Structure formats: structure tokens, C-alpha cells
């Protein structure tokens, strides 16, 4: 994994989304060269994948919590590593 990918993986969701929004604004401005546009787009795609993955993880956690709640469990009764 490249150094850039490792740095992106460490970003919290909110920061990754903020950076993605900034990149979109840069691309939409039309002020970037073709080369810079391609690099920016590539970074944006990585951020998009990261955000989608973090959202999928959160969705799974929520589904598990809802399921466990419907089965009469409380979050305090759940094993620590079950999420």
C-alpha cells in the first residue's frame, strides 16, 4: 500500500468527506491542468472508496445493534468484540 493510501486510511470519515468535497470543488472550478485534474480525480476516487467503506462498516454496526436490541439484548450485554 502506498504512503498516500496509508495516510488516507487513517482519516476519520468527516475529514475524508471534507477533503473529497474540496477536491470536487477544485475539479469543478476548471482551473486545474489536465495532469492535476487526473491526480485530483484519482485521490478523490480513493477518498470516495474510503468513505463508502466507513459508511458500510457503520451500517453493519447499526444493523447488529438493532438486531440485538430486538432480541432483548442491551449494548452492555454484548461481547466487546461482537461489533
PDB file of N, CA and C in Angstrom:
ATOM      1  N   UNK A   1       0.846  -1.177   0.000  1.00  0.00           N
ATOM      2  CA  UNK A   1       0.000   0.000   0.000  1.00  0.00           C
ATOM      3  C   UNK A   1       0.890   1.239   0.000  1.00  0.00           C
ATOM      4  N   UNK A   2       0.532   2.210  -0.830  1.00  0.00           N
ATOM      5  CA  UNK A   2       1.365   3.400  -0.924  1.00  0.00           C
ATOM      6  C   UNK A   2       1.221   4.257   0.325  1.00  0.00           C
ATOM      7  N   UNK A   3       2.163   5.160   0.466  1.00  0.00           N
ATOM      8  CA  UNK A   3       2.167   6.054   1.628  1.00  0.00           C
ATOM      9  C   UNK A   3       0.908   6.921   1.659  1.00  0.00           C
ATOM     10  N   UNK A   4       0.461   7.376   0.481  1.00  0.00           N
ATOM     11  CA  UNK A   4      -0.748   8.202   0.404  1.00  0.00           C
ATOM     12  C   UNK A   4      -1.960   7.402   0.858  1.00  0.00           C
ATOM     13  N   UNK A   5      -2.080   6.159   0.390  1.00  0.00           N
ATOM     14  CA  UNK A   5      -3.208   5.320   0.793  1.00  0.00           C
ATOM     15  C   UNK A   5      -3.210   5.093   2.297  1.00  0.00           C
ATOM     16  N   UNK A   6      -2.034   4.883   2.881  1.00  0.00           N
ATOM     17  CA  UNK A   6      -1.948   4.671   4.325  1.00  0.00           C
ATOM     18  C   UNK A   6      -2.404   5.916   5.078  1.00  0.00           C
ATOM     19  N   UNK A   7      -2.025   7.077   4.578  1.00  0.00           N
ATOM     20  CA  UNK A   7      -2.450   8.327   5.215  1.00  0.00           C
ATOM     21  C   UNK A   7      -3.960   8.496   5.113  1.00  0.00           C
ATOM     22  N   UNK A   8      -4.524   8.175   3.945  1.00  0.00           N
ATOM     23  CA  UNK A   8      -5.963   8.306   3.758  1.00  0.00           C
ATOM     24  C   UNK A   8      -6.728   7.354   4.663  1.00  0.00           C
ATOM     25  N   UNK A   9      -6.229   6.141   4.829  1.00  0.00           N
ATOM     26  CA  UNK A   9      -6.900   5.142   5.662  1.00  0.00           C
ATOM     27  C   UNK A   9      -7.051   5.613   7.107  1.00  0.00           C
ATOM     28  N   UNK A  10      -6.149   6.467   7.561  1.00  0.00           N
ATOM     29  CA  UNK A  10      -6.176   6.946   8.945  1.00  0.00           C
ATOM     30  C   UNK A  10      -7.194   8.071   9.159  1.00  0.00           C
ATOM     31  N   UNK A  11      -7.692   8.643   8.066  1.00  0.00           N
ATOM     32  CA  UNK A  11      -8.607   9.781   8.198  1.00  0.00           C
ATOM     33  C   UNK A  11      -9.947   9.355   8.777  1.00  0.00           C
ATOM     34  N   UNK A  12     -10.474  10.140   9.701  1.00  0.00           N
ATOM     35  CA  UNK A  12     -11.848   9.885  10.142  1.00  0.00           C
ATOM     36  C   UNK A  12     -12.806  10.217   8.993  1.00  0.00           C
ATOM     37  N   UNK A  13     -13.991   9.648   9.043  1.00  0.00           N
ATOM     38  CA  UNK A  13     -14.965   9.831   7.963  1.00  0.00           C
ATOM     39  C   UNK A  13     -15.205  11.303   7.652  1.00  0.00           C
ATOM     40  N   UNK A  14     -15.459  12.116   8.669  1.00  0.00           N
ATOM     41  CA  UNK A  14     -15.791  13.527   8.446  1.00  0.00           C
ATOM     42  C   UNK A  14     -14.679  14.270   7.708  1.00  0.00           C
ATOM     43  N   UNK A  15     -13.438  13.979   8.062  1.00  0.00           N
ATOM     44  CA  UNK A  15     -12.304  14.635   7.406  1.00  0.00           C
ATOM     45  C   UNK A  15     -12.160  14.143   5.970  1.00  0.00           C
ATOM     46  N   UNK A  16     -12.333  12.855   5.751  1.00  0.00           N
ATOM     47  CA  UNK A  16     -12.242  12.300   4.393  1.00  0.00           C
ATOM     48  C   UNK A  16     -13.320  12.918   3.506  1.00  0.00           C
ATOM     49  N   UNK A  17     -14.520  13.051   4.025  1.00  0.00           N
ATOM     50  CA  UNK A  17     -15.614  13.652   3.259  1.00  0.00           C
ATOM     51  C   UNK A  17     -15.328  15.118   2.964  1.00  0.00           C
ATOM     52  N   UNK A  18     -14.791  15.837   3.942  1.00  0.00           N
ATOM     53  CA  UNK A  18     -14.450  17.251   3.728  1.00  0.00           C
ATOM     54  C   UNK A  18     -13.414  17.395   2.615  1.00  0.00           C
ATOM     55  N   UNK A  19     -12.377  16.535   2.657  1.00  0.00           N
ATOM     56  CA  UNK A  19     -11.346  16.580   1.623  1.00  0.00           C
ATOM     57  C   UNK A  19     -11.925  16.225   0.256  1.00  0.00           C
ATOM     58  N   UNK A  20     -12.814  15.246   0.224  1.00  0.00           N
ATOM     59  CA  UNK A  20     -13.441  14.859  -1.036  1.00  0.00           C
ATOM     60  C   UNK A  20     -14.246  16.024  -1.609  1.00  0.00           C
ATOM     61  N   UNK A  21     -14.984  16.712  -0.767  1.00  0.00           N
ATOM     62  CA  UNK A  21     -15.756  17.870  -1.219  1.00  0.00           C
ATOM     63  C   UNK A  21     -14.846  18.966  -1.762  1.00  0.00           C
ATOM     64  N   UNK A  22     -13.695  19.172  -1.132  1.00  0.00           N
ATOM     65  CA  UNK A  22     -12.733  20.167  -1.619  1.00  0.00           C
ATOM     66  C   UNK A  22     -12.196  19.777  -2.992  1.00  0.00           C
ATOM     67  N   UNK A  23     -11.895  18.489  -3.166  1.00  0.00           N
ATOM     68  CA  UNK A  23     -11.379  18.026  -4.454  1.00  0.00           C
ATOM     69  C   UNK A  23     -12.422  18.196  -5.555  1.00  0.00           C
ATOM     70  N   UNK A  24     -13.660  17.908  -5.241  1.00  0.00           N
ATOM     71  CA  UNK A  24     -14.737  18.086  -6.218  1.00  0.00           C
ATOM     72  C   UNK A  24     -14.833  19.556  -6.624  1.00  0.00           C
ATOM     73  N   UNK A  25     -14.738  20.449  -5.657  1.00  0.00           N
ATOM     74  CA  UNK A  25     -14.791  21.885  -5.952  1.00  0.00           C
ATOM     75  C   UNK A  25     -13.630  22.298  -6.853  1.00  0.00           C
ATOM     76  N   UNK A  26     -12.444  21.757  -6.596  1.00  0.00           N
ATOM     77  CA  UNK A  26     -11.281  22.067  -7.435  1.00  0.00           C
ATOM     78  C   UNK A  26     -11.507  21.586  -8.865  1.00  0.00           C
ATOM     79  N   UNK A  27     -12.026  20.371  -8.996  1.00  0.00           N
ATOM     80  CA  UNK A  27     -12.273  19.827 -10.331  1.00  0.00           C
ATOM     81  C   UNK A  27     -13.347  20.627 -11.061  1.00  0.00           C
ATOM     82  N   UNK A  28     -14.386  21.011 -10.346  1.00  0.00           N
ATOM     83  CA  UNK A  28     -15.476  21.763 -10.964  1.00  0.00           C
ATOM     84  C   UNK A  28     -15.073  23.180 -11.340  1.00  0.00           C
ATOM     85  N   UNK A  29     -14.030  23.702 -10.704  1.00  0.00           N
ATOM     86  CA  UNK A  29     -13.596  25.070 -10.999  1.00  0.00           C
ATOM     87  C   UNK A  29     -13.022  25.195 -12.402  1.00  0.00           C
ATOM     88  N   UNK A  30     -12.485  24.105 -12.930  1.00  0.00           N
ATOM     89  CA  UNK A  30     -11.898  24.137 -14.263  1.00  0.00           C
ATOM     90  C   UNK A  30     -10.535  24.801 -14.315  1.00  0.00           C
ATOM     91  N   UNK A  31      -9.941  25.069 -13.183  1.00  0.00           N
ATOM     92  CA  UNK A  31      -8.658  25.777 -13.140  1.00  0.00           C
ATOM     93  C   UNK A  31      -7.450  24.850 -13.115  1.00  0.00           C
ATOM     94  N   UNK A  32      -7.669  23.556 -12.955  1.00  0.00           N
ATOM     95  CA  UNK A  32      -6.552  22.610 -12.878  1.00  0.00           C
ATOM     96  C   UNK A  32      -6.105  22.194 -14.274  1.00  0.00           C
ATOM     97  N   UNK A  33      -4.815  21.923 -14.381  1.00  0.00           N
ATOM     98  CA  UNK A  33      -4.308  21.372 -15.638  1.00  0.00           C
ATOM     99  C   UNK A  33      -4.843  19.952 -15.794  1.00  0.00           C
ATOM    100  N   UNK A  34      -4.687  19.393 -16.966  1.00  0.00           N
ATOM    101  CA  UNK A  34      -5.149  18.027 -17.202  1.00  0.00           C
ATOM    102  C   UNK A  34      -4.466  17.061 -16.248  1.00  0.00           C
ATOM    103  N   UNK A  35      -3.159  17.203 -16.095  1.00  0.00           N
ATOM    104  CA  UNK A  35      -2.404  16.310 -15.212  1.00  0.00           C
ATOM    105  C   UNK A  35      -2.867  16.438 -13.763  1.00  0.00           C
ATOM    106  N   UNK A  36      -3.042  17.679 -13.310  1.00  0.00           N
ATOM    107  CA  UNK A  36      -3.510  17.899 -11.940  1.00  0.00           C
ATOM    108  C   UNK A  36      -4.942  17.401 -11.757  1.00  0.00           C
ATOM    109  N   UNK A  37      -5.745  17.558 -12.792  1.00  0.00           N
ATOM    110  CA  UNK A  37      -7.121  17.057 -12.726  1.00  0.00           C
ATOM    111  C   UNK A  37      -7.144  15.548 -12.559  1.00  0.00           C
ATOM    112  N   UNK A  38      -6.285  14.859 -13.281  1.00  0.00           N
ATOM    113  CA  UNK A  38      -6.233  13.399 -13.186  1.00  0.00           C
ATOM    114  C   UNK A  38      -5.779  12.977 -11.793  1.00  0.00           C
ATOM    115  N   UNK A  39      -4.731  13.628 -11.277  1.00  0.00           N
ATOM    116  CA  UNK A  39      -4.254  13.305  -9.924  1.00  0.00           C
ATOM    117  C   UNK A  39      -5.332  13.588  -8.879  1.00  0.00           C
ATOM    118  N   UNK A  40      -5.998  14.710  -9.024  1.00  0.00           N
ATOM    119  CA  UNK A  40      -7.053  15.087  -8.089  1.00  0.00           C
ATOM    120  C   UNK A  40      -8.205  14.096  -8.159  1.00  0.00           C
ATOM    121  N   UNK A  41      -8.573  13.707  -9.374  1.00  0.00           N
ATOM    122  CA  UNK A  41      -9.649  12.728  -9.549  1.00  0.00           C
ATOM    123  C   UNK A  41      -9.271  11.393  -8.913  1.00  0.00           C
ATOM    124  N   UNK A  42      -8.026  10.970  -9.107  1.00  0.00           N
ATOM    125  CA  UNK A  42      -7.561   9.702  -8.530  1.00  0.00           C
ATOM    126  C   UNK A  42      -7.638   9.744  -6.995  1.00  0.00           C
ATOM    127  N   UNK A  43      -7.178  10.832  -6.413  1.00  0.00           N
ATOM    128  CA  UNK A  43      -7.258  10.975  -4.959  1.00  0.00           C
ATOM    129  C   UNK A  43      -8.714  10.996  -4.509  1.00  0.00           C
ATOM    130  N   UNK A  44      -9.552  11.671  -5.266  1.00  0.00           N
ATOM    131  CA  UNK A  44     -10.974  11.710  -4.948  1.00  0.00           C
ATOM    132  C   UNK A  44     -11.612  10.332  -4.978  1.00  0.00           C
ATOM    133  N   UNK A  45     -11.220   9.519  -5.936  1.00  0.00           N
ATOM    134  CA  UNK A  45     -11.762   8.160  -6.009  1.00  0.00           C
ATOM    135  C   UNK A  45     -11.326   7.339  -4.798  1.00  0.00           C
ATOM    136  N   UNK A  46     -10.098   7.534  -4.354  1.00  0.00           N
ATOM    137  CA  UNK A  46      -9.628   6.833  -3.147  1.00  0.00           C
ATOM    138  C   UNK A  46     -10.426   7.278  -1.921  1.00  0.00           C
ATOM    139  N   UNK A  47     -10.649   8.578  -1.818  1.00  0.00           N
ATOM    140  CA  UNK A  47     -11.433   9.098  -0.697  1.00  0.00           C
ATOM    141  C   UNK A  47     -12.875   8.599  -0.761  1.00  0.00           C
ATOM    142  N   UNK A  48     -13.428   8.534  -1.959  1.00  0.00           N
ATOM    143  CA  UNK A  48     -14.785   8.025  -2.129  1.00  0.00           C
ATOM    144  C   UNK A  48     -14.876   6.574  -1.659  1.00  0.00           C
ATOM    145  N   UNK A  49     -13.905   5.778  -2.039  1.00  0.00           N
ATOM    146  CA  UNK A  49     -13.886   4.370  -1.624  1.00  0.00           C
ATOM    147  C   UNK A  49     -13.761   4.265  -0.101  1.00  0.00           C
ATOM    148  N   UNK A  50     -12.908   5.091   0.475  1.00  0.00           N
ATOM    149  CA  UNK A  50     -12.725   5.099   1.925  1.00  0.00           C
ATOM    150  C   UNK A  50     -14.025   5.477   2.634  1.00  0.00           C
ATOM    151  N   UNK A  51     -14.675   6.539   2.172  1.00  0.00           N
ATOM    152  CA  UNK A  51     -15.932   6.976   2.789  1.00  0.00           C
ATOM    153  C   UNK A  51     -17.008   5.905   2.650  1.00  0.00           C
ATOM    154  N   UNK A  52     -17.102   5.301   1.478  1.00  0.00           N
ATOM    155  CA  UNK A  52     -18.102   4.250   1.267  1.00  0.00           C
ATOM    156  C   UNK A  52     -17.846   3.069   2.196  1.00  0.00           C
ATOM    157  N   UNK A  53     -16.582   2.713   2.379  1.00  0.00           N
ATOM    158  CA  UNK A  53     -16.237   1.614   3.277  1.00  0.00           C
ATOM    159  C   UNK A  53     -16.586   1.925   4.724  1.00  0.00           C
ATOM    160  N   UNK A  54     -16.292   3.154   5.140  1.00  0.00           N
ATOM    161  CA  UNK A  54     -16.604   3.546   6.519  1.00  0.00           C
ATOM    162  C   UNK A  54     -18.118   3.591   6.743  1.00  0.00           C
ATOM    163  N   UNK A  55     -18.859   4.036   5.736  1.00  0.00           N
ATOM    164  CA  UNK A  55     -20.319   4.039   5.855  1.00  0.00           C
ATOM    165  C   UNK A  55     -20.870   2.616   5.922  1.00  0.00           C
ATOM    166  N   UNK A  56     -20.301   1.714   5.127  1.00  0.00           N
ATOM    167  CA  UNK A  56     -20.741   0.314   5.147  1.00  0.00           C
ATOM    168  C   UNK A  56     -20.472  -0.316   6.511  1.00  0.00           C
ATOM    169  N   UNK A  57     -19.307  -0.015   7.090  1.00  0.00           N
ATOM    170  CA  UNK A  57     -18.985  -0.524   8.429  1.00  0.00           C
ATOM    171  C   UNK A  57     -19.979   0.005   9.463  1.00  0.00           C
ATOM    172  N   UNK A  58     -20.282   1.287   9.381  1.00  0.00           N
ATOM    173  CA  UNK A  58     -21.228   1.888  10.327  1.00  0.00           C
ATOM    174  C   UNK A  58     -22.613   1.263  10.164  1.00  0.00           C
ATOM    175  N   UNK A  59     -23.016   1.029   8.924  1.00  0.00           N
ATOM    176  CA  UNK A  59     -24.321   0.415   8.671  1.00  0.00           C
ATOM    177  C   UNK A  59     -24.397  -0.986   9.276  1.00  0.00           C
ATOM    178  N   UNK A  60     -23.325  -1.762   9.130  1.00  0.00           N
ATOM    179  CA  UNK A  60     -23.293  -3.107   9.711  1.00  0.00           C
ATOM    180  C   UNK A  60     -23.404  -3.047  11.231  1.00  0.00           C
ATOM    181  N   UNK A  61     -22.690  -2.101  11.837  1.00  0.00           N
ATOM    182  CA  UNK A  61     -22.747  -1.954  13.292  1.00  0.00           C
ATOM    183  C   UNK A  61     -24.157  -1.600  13.750  1.00  0.00           C
ATOM    184  N   UNK A  62     -24.781  -0.674  13.032  1.00  0.00           N
ATOM    185  CA  UNK A  62     -26.138  -0.266  13.393  1.00  0.00           C
ATOM    186  C   UNK A  62     -27.107  -1.430  13.238  1.00  0.00           C
ATOM    187  N   UNK A  63     -26.995  -2.171  12.130  1.00  0.00           N
ATOM    188  CA  UNK A  63     -27.868  -3.328  11.920  1.00  0.00           C
ATOM    189  C   UNK A  63     -27.701  -4.347  13.042  1.00  0.00           C
ATOM    190  N   UNK A  64     -26.466  -4.584  13.460  1.00  0.00           N
ATOM    191  CA  UNK A  64     -26.208  -5.532  14.536  1.00  0.00           C
ATOM    192  C   UNK A  64     -26.802  -5.036  15.852  1.00  0.00           C
ATOM    193  N   UNK A  65     -26.635  -3.752  16.131  1.00  0.00           N
ATOM    194  CA  UNK A  65     -27.198  -3.191  17.359  1.00  0.00           C
ATOM    195  C   UNK A  65     -28.722  -3.274  17.365  1.00  0.00           C
ATOM    196  N   UNK A  66     -29.341  -2.967  16.240  1.00  0.00           N
ATOM    197  CA  UNK A  66     -30.799  -3.042  16.149  1.00  0.00           C
ATOM    198  C   UNK A  66     -31.260  -4.482  16.312  1.00  0.00           C
ATOM    199  N   UNK A  67     -30.586  -5.402  15.637  1.00  0.00           N
ATOM    200  CA  UNK A  67     -30.941  -6.820  15.731  1.00  0.00           C
ATOM    201  C   UNK A  67     -30.814  -7.301  17.175  1.00  0.00           C
ATOM    202  N   UNK A  68     -29.716  -6.977  17.807  1.00  0.00           N
ATOM    203  CA  UNK A  68     -29.501  -7.401  19.189  1.00  0.00           C
ATOM    204  C   UNK A  68     -30.520  -6.772  20.134  1.00  0.00           C
ATOM    205  N   UNK A  69     -30.898  -5.540  19.861  1.00  0.00           N
ATOM    206  CA  UNK A  69     -31.907  -4.882  20.686  1.00  0.00           C
ATOM    207  C   UNK A  69     -33.262  -5.569  20.524  1.00  0.00           C
ATOM    208  N   UNK A  70     -33.582  -5.983  19.312  1.00  0.00           N
ATOM    209  CA  UNK A  70     -34.844  -6.671  19.064  1.00  0.00           C
ATOM    210  C   UNK A  70     -34.876  -8.040  19.734  1.00  0.00           C
ATOM    211  N   UNK A  71     -33.713  -8.617  19.948  1.00  0.00           N
ATOM    212  CA  UNK A  71     -33.622  -9.913  20.607  1.00  0.00           C
ATOM    213  C   UNK A  71     -33.568  -9.766  22.125  1.00  0.00           C
ATOM    214  N   UNK A  72     -33.689  -8.537  22.609  1.00  0.00           N
ATOM    215  CA  UNK A  72     -33.725  -8.310  24.042  1.00  0.00           C
ATOM    216  C   UNK A  72     -32.373  -8.079  24.684  1.00  0.00           C
ATOM    217  N   UNK A  73     -31.331  -7.903  23.890  1.00  0.00           N
ATOM    218  CA  UNK A  73     -30.013  -7.620  24.445  1.00  0.00           C
ATOM    219  C   UNK A  73     -29.883  -6.124  24.645  1.00  0.00           C
ATOM    220  N   UNK A  74     -29.042  -5.761  25.553  1.00  0.00           N
ATOM    221  CA  UNK A  74     -28.657  -4.361  25.641  1.00  0.00           C
ATOM    222  C   UNK A  74     -27.211  -4.281  25.177  1.00  0.00           C
ATOM    223  N   UNK A  75     -26.782  -3.098  24.840  1.00  0.00           N
ATOM    224  CA  UNK A  75     -25.405  -2.954  24.359  1.00  0.00           C
ATOM    225  C   UNK A  75     -24.415  -3.369  25.426  1.00  0.00           C
ATOM    226  N   UNK A  76     -24.787  -3.250  26.666  1.00  0.00           N
ATOM    227  CA  UNK A  76     -23.882  -3.613  27.752  1.00  0.00           C
ATOM    228  C   UNK A  76     -23.688  -5.124  27.844  1.00  0.00           C
ATOM    229  N   UNK A  77     -24.667  -5.902  27.350  1.00  0.00           N
ATOM    230  CA  UNK A  77     -24.578  -7.350  27.426  1.00  0.00           C
ATOM    231  C   UNK A  77     -23.814  -7.951  26.253  1.00  0.00           C
ATOM    232  N   UNK A  78     -23.577  -7.154  25.210  1.00  0.00           N
ATOM    233  CA  UNK A  78     -22.916  -7.675  24.022  1.00  0.00           C
ATOM    234  C   UNK A  78     -21.443  -7.925  24.307  1.00  0.00           C
ATOM    235  N   UNK A  79     -20.912  -9.015  23.771  1.00  0.00           N
ATOM    236  CA  UNK A  79     -19.473  -9.249  23.907  1.00  0.00           C
ATOM    237  C   UNK A  79     -18.705  -8.083  23.288  1.00  0.00           C
ATOM    238  N   UNK A  80     -17.586  -7.690  23.873  1.00  0.00           N
ATOM    239  CA  UNK A  80     -16.862  -6.494  23.425  1.00  0.00           C
ATOM    240  C   UNK A  80     -16.456  -6.519  21.960  1.00  0.00           C
ATOM    241  N   UNK A  81     -16.108  -7.651  21.404  1.00  0.00           N
ATOM    242  CA  UNK A  81     -15.632  -7.716  20.023  1.00  0.00           C
ATOM    243  C   UNK A  81     -16.701  -8.183  19.056  1.00  0.00           C
ATOM    244  N   UNK A  82     -17.970  -8.107  19.417  1.00  0.00           N
ATOM    245  CA  UNK A  82     -19.028  -8.594  18.539  1.00  0.00           C
ATOM    246  C   UNK A  82     -19.395  -7.603  17.451  1.00  0.00           C
ATOM    247  N   UNK A  83     -18.909  -6.390  17.551  1.00  0.00           N
ATOM    248  CA  UNK A  83     -19.214  -5.377  16.541  1.00  0.00           C
ATOM    249  C   UNK A  83     -18.021  -5.209  15.642  1.00  0.00           C
TER     250      UNK A  83
END
